[in-house]
């Protein structure tokens, strides 16, 4: 049922075709520190992600993280690749909806899980050098029954091209995934 509600929200947003809001840019690459806090052992490592605008209202996205479970030799890789739709809903605010293919793999030949994720929310240029975003999402794989999550983040730009991103994903069940790192925007 959740899938149909999300799909319906995406279809309903399509008639609002317009370009991105002032101060919002969908062309960037960023890399940095990633940490996952769970009810079990925590993990940390590095990640890289980015987005490229292919038209005023559509963008492609990709993410990759590589994490090791603390105090063990275990670890995992996560990646997602997909696309998104964005439209201005205010002078400095965009409605954003993303759909992606996700893959999770335990290192050293461990099990793999394939699935998808959908996210929807808003990105807003709060000040000339500060952008914030809030999204809700749902991810499902062939190894899980699906989980909802919320995502909050901010981008602080030091120059027109260089800045810093911070992001937290609050996953159903209490898990959290953090990202912080430099961003290059063009």
N, C-alpha and C. Protein backbone atom coordinates (compact mmCIF):
# COMPACT_ATOMS: atom_id res chain seq x y z
N UNK A 1 0.82 -1.19 0.00
CA UNK A 1 0.00 0.00 0.00
C UNK A 1 0.86 1.26 0.00
N UNK A 2 1.97 1.24 0.78
CA UNK A 2 2.86 2.40 0.83
C UNK A 2 3.41 2.72 -0.56
N UNK A 3 3.74 1.68 -1.31
CA UNK A 3 4.30 1.88 -2.66
C UNK A 3 3.34 2.63 -3.55
N UNK A 4 2.06 2.26 -3.48
CA UNK A 4 1.06 2.91 -4.32
C UNK A 4 0.86 4.36 -3.92
N UNK A 5 0.90 4.66 -2.63
CA UNK A 5 0.74 6.03 -2.16
C UNK A 5 1.90 6.90 -2.63
N UNK A 6 3.11 6.36 -2.57
CA UNK A 6 4.29 7.12 -3.01
C UNK A 6 4.22 7.35 -4.52
N UNK A 7 3.87 6.31 -5.28
CA UNK A 7 3.77 6.45 -6.73
C UNK A 7 2.70 7.47 -7.10
N UNK A 8 1.57 7.45 -6.41
CA UNK A 8 0.51 8.42 -6.67
C UNK A 8 0.97 9.85 -6.39
N UNK A 9 1.74 10.04 -5.31
CA UNK A 9 2.26 11.38 -4.99
C UNK A 9 3.20 11.87 -6.09
N UNK A 10 4.04 10.97 -6.62
CA UNK A 10 4.95 11.35 -7.70
C UNK A 10 4.20 11.74 -8.96
N UNK A 11 3.19 10.97 -9.32
CA UNK A 11 2.40 11.26 -10.52
C UNK A 11 1.64 12.57 -10.36
N UNK A 12 1.11 12.83 -9.17
CA UNK A 12 0.37 14.06 -8.92
C UNK A 12 1.26 15.29 -9.05
N UNK A 13 2.55 15.13 -8.77
CA UNK A 13 3.47 16.27 -8.84
C UNK A 13 3.90 16.61 -10.26
N UNK A 14 3.77 15.69 -11.20
CA UNK A 14 4.27 15.92 -12.56
C UNK A 14 3.70 17.14 -13.26
N UNK A 15 2.42 17.51 -13.08
CA UNK A 15 1.90 18.67 -13.80
C UNK A 15 2.55 19.99 -13.40
N UNK A 16 3.27 20.04 -12.28
CA UNK A 16 3.85 21.29 -11.81
C UNK A 16 5.22 21.53 -12.44
N UNK A 17 5.36 21.29 -13.72
CA UNK A 17 6.66 21.42 -14.39
C UNK A 17 7.17 22.86 -14.32
N UNK A 18 8.35 23.00 -13.77
CA UNK A 18 9.04 24.29 -13.67
C UNK A 18 10.50 23.99 -13.40
N UNK A 19 11.35 25.00 -13.50
CA UNK A 19 12.76 24.76 -13.23
C UNK A 19 13.02 24.76 -11.73
N UNK A 20 14.26 24.43 -11.36
CA UNK A 20 14.65 24.40 -9.95
C UNK A 20 14.50 25.78 -9.34
N UNK A 21 14.23 25.80 -8.03
CA UNK A 21 14.11 27.06 -7.30
C UNK A 21 15.44 27.79 -7.26
N UNK A 22 15.39 29.09 -7.00
CA UNK A 22 16.61 29.90 -6.89
C UNK A 22 17.50 29.35 -5.78
N UNK A 23 18.79 29.20 -6.08
CA UNK A 23 19.75 28.77 -5.07
C UNK A 23 19.88 27.28 -4.90
N UNK A 24 19.14 26.46 -5.66
CA UNK A 24 19.20 25.00 -5.56
C UNK A 24 19.92 24.47 -6.80
N UNK A 25 20.94 23.64 -6.59
CA UNK A 25 21.74 23.12 -7.69
C UNK A 25 21.79 21.60 -7.61
N UNK A 26 21.50 20.93 -8.70
CA UNK A 26 21.50 19.46 -8.75
C UNK A 26 22.77 18.89 -9.38
N UNK A 27 23.80 19.71 -9.56
CA UNK A 27 25.08 19.25 -10.10
C UNK A 27 26.13 19.31 -9.00
N UNK A 28 26.46 18.17 -8.41
CA UNK A 28 27.45 18.15 -7.34
C UNK A 28 28.04 16.75 -7.18
N UNK A 29 29.20 16.72 -6.53
CA UNK A 29 29.81 15.47 -6.07
C UNK A 29 30.36 15.76 -4.68
N UNK A 30 30.24 14.78 -3.78
CA UNK A 30 30.73 14.96 -2.42
C UNK A 30 31.22 13.62 -1.89
N UNK A 31 32.14 13.68 -0.97
CA UNK A 31 32.69 12.48 -0.35
C UNK A 31 33.00 12.78 1.09
N UNK A 32 33.04 11.73 1.92
CA UNK A 32 33.34 12.00 3.31
C UNK A 32 33.16 10.80 4.21
N UNK A 33 33.00 11.09 5.47
CA UNK A 33 32.88 10.10 6.55
C UNK A 33 31.43 9.63 6.66
N UNK A 34 31.24 8.31 6.81
CA UNK A 34 29.92 7.72 6.98
C UNK A 34 29.95 6.87 8.25
N UNK A 35 28.89 6.93 9.03
CA UNK A 35 28.77 6.08 10.23
C UNK A 35 27.35 5.56 10.32
N UNK A 36 27.21 4.31 10.75
CA UNK A 36 25.91 3.70 10.96
C UNK A 36 25.83 3.25 12.42
N UNK A 37 24.82 3.76 13.13
CA UNK A 37 24.57 3.38 14.51
C UNK A 37 23.34 2.49 14.55
N UNK A 38 23.50 1.29 15.12
CA UNK A 38 22.39 0.33 15.19
C UNK A 38 22.20 -0.12 16.63
N UNK A 39 21.18 -0.95 16.84
CA UNK A 39 20.97 -1.56 18.15
C UNK A 39 22.06 -2.60 18.44
N UNK A 40 22.73 -3.07 17.39
CA UNK A 40 23.84 -4.01 17.51
C UNK A 40 25.15 -3.25 17.35
N UNK A 41 26.14 -3.89 16.73
CA UNK A 41 27.43 -3.20 16.55
C UNK A 41 27.34 -2.06 15.53
N UNK A 42 28.07 -0.99 15.80
CA UNK A 42 28.11 0.17 14.90
C UNK A 42 29.14 -0.05 13.80
N UNK A 43 29.06 0.75 12.75
CA UNK A 43 29.99 0.66 11.63
C UNK A 43 30.36 2.07 11.20
N UNK A 44 31.52 2.21 10.56
CA UNK A 44 31.88 3.49 9.96
C UNK A 44 32.83 3.26 8.81
N UNK A 45 33.01 4.31 8.01
CA UNK A 45 33.86 4.22 6.82
C UNK A 45 33.76 5.49 6.01
N UNK A 46 33.72 5.33 4.70
CA UNK A 46 33.69 6.48 3.80
C UNK A 46 32.60 6.29 2.76
N UNK A 47 32.23 7.41 2.15
CA UNK A 47 31.22 7.37 1.11
C UNK A 47 31.42 8.49 0.10
N UNK A 48 30.85 8.30 -1.06
CA UNK A 48 30.88 9.30 -2.12
C UNK A 48 29.50 9.28 -2.79
N UNK A 49 29.00 10.46 -3.14
CA UNK A 49 27.72 10.51 -3.86
C UNK A 49 27.66 11.77 -4.69
N UNK A 50 26.71 11.79 -5.60
CA UNK A 50 26.58 12.94 -6.47
C UNK A 50 25.29 12.95 -7.24
N UNK A 51 25.09 14.02 -7.96
CA UNK A 51 23.88 14.23 -8.75
C UNK A 51 24.24 15.06 -9.97
N UNK A 52 23.56 14.81 -11.07
CA UNK A 52 23.74 15.58 -12.31
C UNK A 52 22.37 15.92 -12.86
N UNK A 53 22.13 17.20 -13.11
CA UNK A 53 20.87 17.63 -13.72
C UNK A 53 20.91 17.30 -15.21
N UNK A 54 19.89 16.60 -15.69
CA UNK A 54 19.82 16.27 -17.12
C UNK A 54 18.79 17.15 -17.84
N UNK A 55 18.01 17.89 -17.07
CA UNK A 55 17.08 18.89 -17.59
C UNK A 55 16.70 19.77 -16.40
N UNK A 56 15.94 20.84 -16.61
CA UNK A 56 15.57 21.68 -15.48
C UNK A 56 14.81 20.94 -14.38
N UNK A 57 14.11 19.85 -14.72
CA UNK A 57 13.29 19.15 -13.74
C UNK A 57 13.72 17.73 -13.41
N UNK A 58 14.76 17.22 -14.04
CA UNK A 58 15.17 15.84 -13.79
C UNK A 58 16.66 15.75 -13.54
N UNK A 59 17.04 14.86 -12.63
CA UNK A 59 18.44 14.66 -12.29
C UNK A 59 18.71 13.17 -12.09
N UNK A 60 19.97 12.79 -12.28
CA UNK A 60 20.44 11.44 -12.00
C UNK A 60 21.22 11.48 -10.70
N UNK A 61 21.22 10.38 -9.95
CA UNK A 61 21.94 10.35 -8.69
C UNK A 61 22.65 9.01 -8.51
N UNK A 62 23.73 9.04 -7.73
CA UNK A 62 24.47 7.82 -7.41
C UNK A 62 25.11 7.99 -6.04
N UNK A 63 25.17 6.90 -5.26
CA UNK A 63 25.79 6.90 -3.94
C UNK A 63 26.55 5.60 -3.75
N UNK A 64 27.66 5.67 -3.03
CA UNK A 64 28.42 4.48 -2.66
C UNK A 64 29.00 4.69 -1.26
N UNK A 65 28.86 3.69 -0.40
CA UNK A 65 29.51 3.73 0.92
C UNK A 65 30.22 2.41 1.16
N UNK A 66 31.31 2.50 1.91
CA UNK A 66 32.11 1.34 2.28
C UNK A 66 32.34 1.46 3.78
N UNK A 67 31.79 0.53 4.57
CA UNK A 67 31.87 0.62 6.03
C UNK A 67 32.38 -0.68 6.63
N UNK A 68 33.10 -0.55 7.75
CA UNK A 68 33.57 -1.69 8.53
C UNK A 68 32.86 -1.68 9.87
N UNK A 69 32.45 -2.87 10.32
CA UNK A 69 31.80 -3.01 11.62
C UNK A 69 32.88 -2.89 12.68
N UNK A 70 32.64 -2.03 13.67
CA UNK A 70 33.63 -1.78 14.71
C UNK A 70 33.92 -3.05 15.52
N UNK A 71 35.18 -3.23 15.86
CA UNK A 71 35.66 -4.33 16.71
C UNK A 71 35.43 -5.70 16.07
N UNK A 72 35.47 -5.75 14.72
CA UNK A 72 35.33 -7.03 14.02
C UNK A 72 35.99 -6.92 12.65
N UNK A 73 36.06 -8.03 11.94
CA UNK A 73 36.60 -8.01 10.58
C UNK A 73 35.48 -7.90 9.53
N UNK A 74 34.24 -7.77 9.98
CA UNK A 74 33.09 -7.68 9.07
C UNK A 74 32.94 -6.27 8.51
N UNK A 75 32.27 -6.18 7.39
CA UNK A 75 31.99 -4.90 6.78
C UNK A 75 30.96 -5.05 5.68
N UNK A 76 30.58 -3.94 5.09
CA UNK A 76 29.58 -3.99 4.03
C UNK A 76 29.72 -2.79 3.10
N UNK A 77 29.26 -2.96 1.87
CA UNK A 77 29.19 -1.91 0.87
C UNK A 77 27.72 -1.65 0.56
N UNK A 78 27.39 -0.40 0.31
CA UNK A 78 26.05 -0.03 -0.12
C UNK A 78 26.19 0.87 -1.33
N UNK A 79 25.35 0.67 -2.33
CA UNK A 79 25.30 1.63 -3.42
C UNK A 79 23.88 1.74 -3.95
N UNK A 80 23.62 2.90 -4.51
CA UNK A 80 22.32 3.15 -5.13
C UNK A 80 22.52 4.03 -6.34
N UNK A 81 21.68 3.80 -7.33
CA UNK A 81 21.73 4.58 -8.55
C UNK A 81 20.29 4.80 -9.01
N UNK A 82 19.99 6.03 -9.42
CA UNK A 82 18.61 6.30 -9.79
C UNK A 82 18.44 7.66 -10.41
N UNK A 83 17.23 8.15 -10.32
CA UNK A 83 16.89 9.44 -10.89
C UNK A 83 15.86 10.14 -10.05
N UNK A 84 15.69 11.41 -10.32
CA UNK A 84 14.74 12.19 -9.54
C UNK A 84 14.07 13.28 -10.34
N UNK A 85 12.99 13.76 -9.77
CA UNK A 85 12.20 14.84 -10.33
C UNK A 85 12.21 15.98 -9.33
N UNK A 86 12.37 17.21 -9.80
CA UNK A 86 12.32 18.38 -8.93
C UNK A 86 11.52 19.48 -9.60
N UNK A 87 10.80 20.21 -8.77
CA UNK A 87 10.05 21.36 -9.28
C UNK A 87 9.95 22.41 -8.18
N UNK A 88 10.01 23.66 -8.59
CA UNK A 88 9.90 24.76 -7.63
C UNK A 88 8.49 24.81 -7.06
N UNK A 89 8.41 24.92 -5.73
CA UNK A 89 7.13 25.11 -5.05
C UNK A 89 7.12 26.44 -4.30
N UNK A 90 8.18 27.18 -4.46
CA UNK A 90 8.35 28.50 -3.87
C UNK A 90 9.58 29.13 -4.50
N UNK A 91 9.83 30.38 -4.21
CA UNK A 91 10.98 31.07 -4.81
C UNK A 91 12.29 30.36 -4.50
N UNK A 92 12.47 29.85 -3.29
CA UNK A 92 13.72 29.21 -2.88
C UNK A 92 13.54 27.75 -2.46
N UNK A 93 12.43 27.13 -2.81
CA UNK A 93 12.15 25.77 -2.34
C UNK A 93 11.71 24.87 -3.50
N UNK A 94 12.26 23.67 -3.52
CA UNK A 94 11.89 22.64 -4.50
C UNK A 94 11.22 21.46 -3.81
N UNK A 95 10.21 20.90 -4.47
CA UNK A 95 9.71 19.57 -4.14
C UNK A 95 10.62 18.60 -4.90
N UNK A 96 11.08 17.53 -4.24
CA UNK A 96 11.98 16.56 -4.85
C UNK A 96 11.44 15.16 -4.62
N UNK A 97 11.50 14.32 -5.65
CA UNK A 97 11.13 12.91 -5.54
C UNK A 97 12.20 12.09 -6.26
N UNK A 98 12.78 11.10 -5.57
CA UNK A 98 13.84 10.26 -6.12
C UNK A 98 13.43 8.80 -6.07
N UNK A 99 13.85 8.03 -7.07
CA UNK A 99 13.65 6.58 -7.12
C UNK A 99 15.00 5.98 -7.47
N UNK A 100 15.40 4.90 -6.76
CA UNK A 100 16.73 4.34 -7.01
C UNK A 100 16.74 2.82 -6.83
N UNK A 101 17.66 2.18 -7.54
CA UNK A 101 18.00 0.77 -7.34
C UNK A 101 19.07 0.74 -6.26
N UNK A 102 18.90 -0.12 -5.25
CA UNK A 102 19.84 -0.22 -4.14
C UNK A 102 20.46 -1.60 -4.10
N UNK A 103 21.74 -1.66 -3.67
CA UNK A 103 22.41 -2.95 -3.48
C UNK A 103 23.23 -2.88 -2.20
N UNK A 104 23.09 -3.91 -1.38
CA UNK A 104 23.83 -4.05 -0.13
C UNK A 104 24.60 -5.35 -0.20
N UNK A 105 25.90 -5.32 0.13
CA UNK A 105 26.72 -6.52 0.06
C UNK A 105 27.63 -6.59 1.27
N UNK A 106 27.60 -7.74 1.96
CA UNK A 106 28.53 -7.99 3.06
C UNK A 106 29.87 -8.34 2.43
N UNK A 107 30.96 -7.77 2.98
CA UNK A 107 32.29 -7.98 2.42
C UNK A 107 32.73 -9.44 2.56
N UNK A 108 33.74 -9.80 1.79
CA UNK A 108 34.38 -11.13 1.81
C UNK A 108 33.41 -12.23 1.39
N UNK A 109 32.62 -11.97 0.36
CA UNK A 109 31.74 -13.00 -0.19
C UNK A 109 30.47 -13.26 0.59
N UNK A 110 30.09 -12.35 1.46
CA UNK A 110 28.87 -12.51 2.25
C UNK A 110 27.63 -12.31 1.41
N UNK A 111 26.46 -12.36 2.04
CA UNK A 111 25.20 -12.23 1.31
C UNK A 111 25.03 -10.83 0.70
N UNK A 112 24.24 -10.80 -0.37
CA UNK A 112 23.91 -9.55 -1.05
C UNK A 112 22.39 -9.36 -1.01
N UNK A 113 21.97 -8.13 -1.05
CA UNK A 113 20.54 -7.81 -1.12
C UNK A 113 20.34 -6.74 -2.18
N UNK A 114 19.38 -6.94 -3.04
CA UNK A 114 19.02 -5.99 -4.08
C UNK A 114 17.62 -5.46 -3.80
N UNK A 115 17.40 -4.20 -4.11
CA UNK A 115 16.08 -3.64 -3.88
C UNK A 115 15.94 -2.26 -4.49
N UNK A 116 15.08 -1.47 -3.88
CA UNK A 116 14.80 -0.12 -4.38
C UNK A 116 14.54 0.80 -3.20
N UNK A 117 14.62 2.08 -3.47
CA UNK A 117 14.23 3.09 -2.49
C UNK A 117 13.53 4.23 -3.21
N UNK A 118 12.63 4.88 -2.49
CA UNK A 118 11.96 6.08 -2.97
C UNK A 118 12.04 7.12 -1.86
N UNK A 119 12.26 8.36 -2.25
CA UNK A 119 12.31 9.47 -1.30
C UNK A 119 11.52 10.64 -1.86
N UNK A 120 10.91 11.40 -0.98
CA UNK A 120 10.23 12.61 -1.39
C UNK A 120 10.35 13.63 -0.27
N UNK A 121 10.45 14.88 -0.66
CA UNK A 121 10.59 15.93 0.35
C UNK A 121 10.84 17.27 -0.29
N UNK A 122 11.50 18.15 0.48
CA UNK A 122 11.79 19.49 0.00
C UNK A 122 13.25 19.83 0.22
N UNK A 123 13.79 20.65 -0.70
CA UNK A 123 15.11 21.27 -0.57
C UNK A 123 14.87 22.78 -0.62
N UNK A 124 15.52 23.50 0.27
CA UNK A 124 15.26 24.94 0.33
C UNK A 124 16.56 25.71 0.54
N UNK A 125 16.75 26.78 -0.24
CA UNK A 125 17.86 27.70 -0.05
C UNK A 125 17.46 28.64 1.07
N UNK A 126 17.98 28.38 2.27
CA UNK A 126 17.59 29.15 3.45
C UNK A 126 18.28 30.51 3.50
N UNK A 127 19.52 30.56 3.00
CA UNK A 127 20.32 31.79 2.88
C UNK A 127 21.18 31.61 1.64
N UNK A 128 21.85 32.66 1.16
CA UNK A 128 22.65 32.50 -0.05
C UNK A 128 23.70 31.39 0.02
N UNK A 129 24.22 31.08 1.20
CA UNK A 129 25.23 30.03 1.32
C UNK A 129 24.78 28.84 2.14
N UNK A 130 23.49 28.72 2.44
CA UNK A 130 22.97 27.62 3.27
C UNK A 130 21.71 27.03 2.65
N UNK A 131 21.75 25.72 2.44
CA UNK A 131 20.60 24.98 1.93
C UNK A 131 20.26 23.88 2.93
N UNK A 132 18.98 23.65 3.14
CA UNK A 132 18.53 22.56 4.00
C UNK A 132 17.57 21.67 3.24
N UNK A 133 17.47 20.41 3.68
CA UNK A 133 16.50 19.51 3.06
C UNK A 133 15.92 18.56 4.10
N UNK A 134 14.69 18.15 3.84
CA UNK A 134 13.98 17.19 4.68
C UNK A 134 13.22 16.26 3.74
N UNK A 135 13.40 14.95 3.95
CA UNK A 135 12.77 13.96 3.09
C UNK A 135 12.24 12.80 3.92
N UNK A 136 11.25 12.11 3.38
CA UNK A 136 10.82 10.82 3.92
C UNK A 136 11.06 9.81 2.82
N UNK A 137 11.35 8.58 3.22
CA UNK A 137 11.66 7.56 2.23
C UNK A 137 11.22 6.19 2.66
N UNK A 138 11.34 5.28 1.73
CA UNK A 138 11.01 3.88 1.96
C UNK A 138 12.00 3.06 1.16
N UNK A 139 12.62 2.05 1.81
CA UNK A 139 13.54 1.16 1.11
C UNK A 139 13.12 -0.27 1.35
N UNK A 140 13.28 -1.09 0.31
CA UNK A 140 12.88 -2.49 0.38
C UNK A 140 13.89 -3.29 -0.42
N UNK A 141 14.26 -4.47 0.08
CA UNK A 141 15.16 -5.36 -0.64
C UNK A 141 14.58 -6.76 -0.64
N UNK A 142 15.24 -7.65 -1.39
CA UNK A 142 14.77 -9.04 -1.43
C UNK A 142 15.12 -9.78 -0.14
N UNK A 143 15.81 -9.13 0.81
CA UNK A 143 16.16 -9.74 2.10
C UNK A 143 15.45 -9.09 3.28
N UNK A 144 14.69 -8.02 3.04
CA UNK A 144 13.98 -7.33 4.13
C UNK A 144 12.53 -7.13 3.74
N UNK A 145 11.72 -6.77 4.73
CA UNK A 145 10.31 -6.51 4.46
C UNK A 145 10.05 -5.03 4.20
N UNK A 146 11.10 -4.22 4.19
CA UNK A 146 10.95 -2.80 3.91
C UNK A 146 10.99 -1.96 5.16
N UNK A 147 11.56 -0.76 5.03
CA UNK A 147 11.69 0.15 6.16
C UNK A 147 11.46 1.58 5.71
N UNK A 148 10.74 2.32 6.52
CA UNK A 148 10.55 3.75 6.28
C UNK A 148 11.67 4.51 6.98
N UNK A 149 11.98 5.71 6.49
CA UNK A 149 13.00 6.52 7.14
C UNK A 149 12.74 7.99 6.87
N UNK A 150 13.35 8.81 7.69
CA UNK A 150 13.36 10.25 7.50
C UNK A 150 14.80 10.68 7.26
N UNK A 151 14.98 11.74 6.51
CA UNK A 151 16.34 12.20 6.18
C UNK A 151 16.39 13.71 6.29
N UNK A 152 17.37 14.21 7.04
CA UNK A 152 17.58 15.64 7.21
C UNK A 152 19.01 15.98 6.82
N UNK A 153 19.21 17.13 6.20
CA UNK A 153 20.56 17.50 5.82
C UNK A 153 20.69 18.98 5.55
N UNK A 154 21.96 19.39 5.42
CA UNK A 154 22.26 20.79 5.12
C UNK A 154 23.54 20.86 4.31
N UNK A 155 23.62 21.88 3.46
CA UNK A 155 24.81 22.20 2.68
C UNK A 155 25.21 23.64 3.00
N UNK A 156 26.44 23.81 3.41
CA UNK A 156 26.99 25.14 3.64
C UNK A 156 28.03 25.38 2.55
N UNK A 157 27.85 26.43 1.77
CA UNK A 157 28.78 26.74 0.68
C UNK A 157 29.75 27.83 1.13
N UNK A 158 31.07 27.55 1.03
CA UNK A 158 32.10 28.52 1.39
C UNK A 158 32.44 29.41 0.20
N UNK A 159 32.36 28.85 -1.01
CA UNK A 159 32.53 29.61 -2.25
C UNK A 159 31.41 29.15 -3.17
N UNK A 160 31.40 29.65 -4.41
CA UNK A 160 30.37 29.24 -5.36
C UNK A 160 30.44 27.74 -5.64
N UNK A 161 31.66 27.14 -5.59
CA UNK A 161 31.83 25.74 -5.95
C UNK A 161 32.13 24.80 -4.78
N UNK A 162 32.64 25.31 -3.66
CA UNK A 162 33.07 24.42 -2.59
C UNK A 162 32.27 24.65 -1.32
N UNK A 163 31.91 23.53 -0.67
CA UNK A 163 31.15 23.62 0.56
C UNK A 163 31.26 22.35 1.37
N UNK A 164 30.32 22.17 2.31
CA UNK A 164 30.30 21.03 3.21
C UNK A 164 28.85 20.53 3.32
N UNK A 165 28.68 19.21 3.33
CA UNK A 165 27.37 18.59 3.47
C UNK A 165 27.33 17.78 4.75
N UNK A 166 26.21 17.82 5.45
CA UNK A 166 25.95 16.95 6.60
C UNK A 166 24.55 16.38 6.42
N UNK A 167 24.41 15.08 6.71
CA UNK A 167 23.16 14.36 6.42
C UNK A 167 22.96 13.29 7.47
N UNK A 168 21.73 13.10 7.94
CA UNK A 168 21.41 12.00 8.84
C UNK A 168 20.14 11.32 8.33
N UNK A 169 20.17 10.00 8.30
CA UNK A 169 19.02 9.19 7.92
C UNK A 169 18.55 8.45 9.17
N UNK A 170 17.31 8.71 9.60
CA UNK A 170 16.73 8.09 10.78
C UNK A 170 15.81 6.97 10.32
N UNK A 171 16.26 5.72 10.52
CA UNK A 171 15.60 4.56 9.95
C UNK A 171 14.63 3.96 10.96
N UNK A 172 13.49 3.49 10.47
CA UNK A 172 12.50 2.82 11.28
C UNK A 172 13.18 1.74 12.12
N UNK A 173 12.91 1.69 13.41
CA UNK A 173 13.54 0.71 14.28
C UNK A 173 14.69 1.30 15.08
N UNK A 174 15.05 2.56 14.82
CA UNK A 174 16.05 3.23 15.63
C UNK A 174 17.44 3.34 15.05
N UNK A 175 17.73 2.72 13.91
CA UNK A 175 19.06 2.84 13.30
C UNK A 175 19.23 4.25 12.72
N UNK A 176 20.51 4.70 12.69
CA UNK A 176 20.83 6.01 12.13
C UNK A 176 22.04 5.87 11.23
N UNK A 177 22.04 6.60 10.11
CA UNK A 177 23.20 6.64 9.23
C UNK A 177 23.57 8.10 9.01
N UNK A 178 24.85 8.42 9.28
CA UNK A 178 25.37 9.78 9.22
C UNK A 178 26.33 9.94 8.06
N UNK A 179 26.37 11.13 7.48
CA UNK A 179 27.37 11.47 6.46
C UNK A 179 27.81 12.90 6.70
N UNK A 180 29.12 13.16 6.59
CA UNK A 180 29.63 14.53 6.63
C UNK A 180 30.86 14.58 5.74
N UNK A 181 30.93 15.60 4.88
CA UNK A 181 32.08 15.71 4.01
C UNK A 181 32.00 16.91 3.08
N UNK A 182 33.12 17.17 2.38
CA UNK A 182 33.18 18.30 1.46
C UNK A 182 32.35 18.05 0.18
N UNK A 183 31.90 19.15 -0.41
CA UNK A 183 31.08 19.09 -1.62
C UNK A 183 31.65 20.02 -2.69
N UNK A 184 31.66 19.52 -3.94
CA UNK A 184 32.02 20.34 -5.08
C UNK A 184 30.78 20.49 -5.95
N UNK A 185 30.39 21.70 -6.24
CA UNK A 185 29.20 22.01 -7.04
C UNK A 185 29.62 22.76 -8.30
N UNK A 186 28.97 22.43 -9.44
CA UNK A 186 29.28 23.16 -10.68
C UNK A 186 28.00 23.60 -11.35
